[in-house]
């Protein structure tokens, strides 16, 4: 995993979205696995914007970008350029 992915996982664990016994692959659906819901997504987006000093436009809040750790990591990379 990348540093960004590790930080995202740590956030999910710290905020109790994910407990330590759950194994999560970077391609697993966060919504289908019940890890994050719409309210949790708002908190997650706030964390990402603050941590990586990026602004996430509304049109980027799509399942393709936010349903997996890979999608989120790719979005962060794209917006950080």
Protein backbone atom coordinates (compact mmCIF):
# COMPACT_ATOMS: atom_id res chain seq x y z
CA UNK A 1 0.00 0.00 0.00
CA UNK A 2 1.05 3.57 -0.55
CA UNK A 3 1.51 6.14 2.18
CA UNK A 4 -1.74 7.82 1.12
CA UNK A 5 -3.62 4.52 1.26
CA UNK A 6 -2.15 3.80 4.69
CA UNK A 7 -3.27 7.23 5.93
CA UNK A 8 -6.78 6.68 4.55
CA UNK A 9 -6.98 3.29 6.27
CA UNK A 10 -5.79 4.83 9.53
CA UNK A 11 -8.49 7.49 9.30
CA UNK A 12 -11.15 4.84 8.71
CA UNK A 13 -9.91 2.84 11.71
CA UNK A 14 -9.53 5.89 13.99
CA UNK A 15 -13.04 7.14 13.22
CA UNK A 16 -14.50 3.66 13.85
CA UNK A 17 -15.63 3.17 10.26
CA UNK A 18 -13.40 0.11 10.16
CA UNK A 19 -12.29 -2.11 13.02
CA UNK A 20 -8.89 -3.75 13.29
CA UNK A 21 -10.19 -7.21 12.42
CA UNK A 22 -11.52 -6.21 8.98
CA UNK A 23 -9.25 -6.95 6.05
CA UNK A 24 -9.82 -4.44 3.29
CA UNK A 25 -8.32 -4.58 -0.18
CA UNK A 26 -7.72 -1.34 -2.06
CA UNK A 27 -10.29 -2.42 -4.66
CA UNK A 28 -13.06 -3.36 -2.18
CA UNK A 29 -16.21 -1.25 -2.29
CA UNK A 30 -16.43 0.90 0.84
CA UNK A 31 -20.19 1.22 0.46
CA UNK A 32 -20.97 -2.41 -0.38
CA UNK A 33 -18.86 -3.55 2.58
CA UNK A 34 -20.82 -1.16 4.83
CA UNK A 35 -17.70 0.74 5.83
CA UNK A 36 -18.86 4.22 4.88
CA UNK A 37 -22.23 5.85 4.27
CA UNK A 38 -23.26 9.30 3.02
CA UNK A 39 -22.65 10.98 6.39
CA UNK A 40 -19.30 9.23 6.78
CA UNK A 41 -18.37 10.31 3.26
CA UNK A 42 -18.75 13.96 4.24
CA UNK A 43 -16.37 13.49 7.16
CA UNK A 44 -13.97 11.52 4.94
CA UNK A 45 -13.98 14.25 2.25
CA UNK A 46 -13.30 16.92 4.90
CA UNK A 47 -10.36 14.88 6.20
CA UNK A 48 -8.94 14.40 2.70
CA UNK A 49 -9.25 18.09 1.80
CA UNK A 50 -7.60 19.17 5.06
CA UNK A 51 -4.87 16.53 5.09
CA UNK A 52 -3.80 16.93 1.45
CA UNK A 53 -4.60 20.65 1.08
CA UNK A 54 -6.82 20.05 -1.92
CA UNK A 55 -10.31 21.18 -2.92
CA UNK A 56 -12.58 18.43 -4.19
CA UNK A 57 -15.14 19.88 -6.61
CA UNK A 58 -18.66 18.46 -6.37
CA UNK A 59 -18.42 16.82 -9.78
CA UNK A 60 -15.59 14.65 -8.44
CA UNK A 61 -17.81 13.16 -5.70
CA UNK A 62 -18.65 10.09 -7.75
CA UNK A 63 -18.68 6.36 -6.99
CA UNK A 64 -15.72 5.92 -9.32
CA UNK A 65 -13.66 8.29 -7.18
CA UNK A 66 -14.92 7.44 -3.69
CA UNK A 67 -16.04 3.81 -3.56
CA UNK A 68 -12.58 2.23 -3.26
CA UNK A 69 -9.28 3.20 -1.69
CA UNK A 70 -7.70 2.99 -5.14
CA UNK A 71 -10.22 5.49 -6.53
CA UNK A 72 -9.68 7.89 -3.64
CA UNK A 73 -5.89 7.60 -3.84
CA UNK A 74 -5.97 8.26 -7.60
CA UNK A 75 -8.20 11.30 -7.08
CA UNK A 76 -5.87 12.71 -4.43
CA UNK A 77 -2.92 12.21 -6.76
CA UNK A 78 -4.76 13.90 -9.63
CA UNK A 79 -5.86 16.92 -7.58
CA UNK A 80 -2.49 17.34 -5.89
CA UNK A 81 -0.72 18.09 -9.16
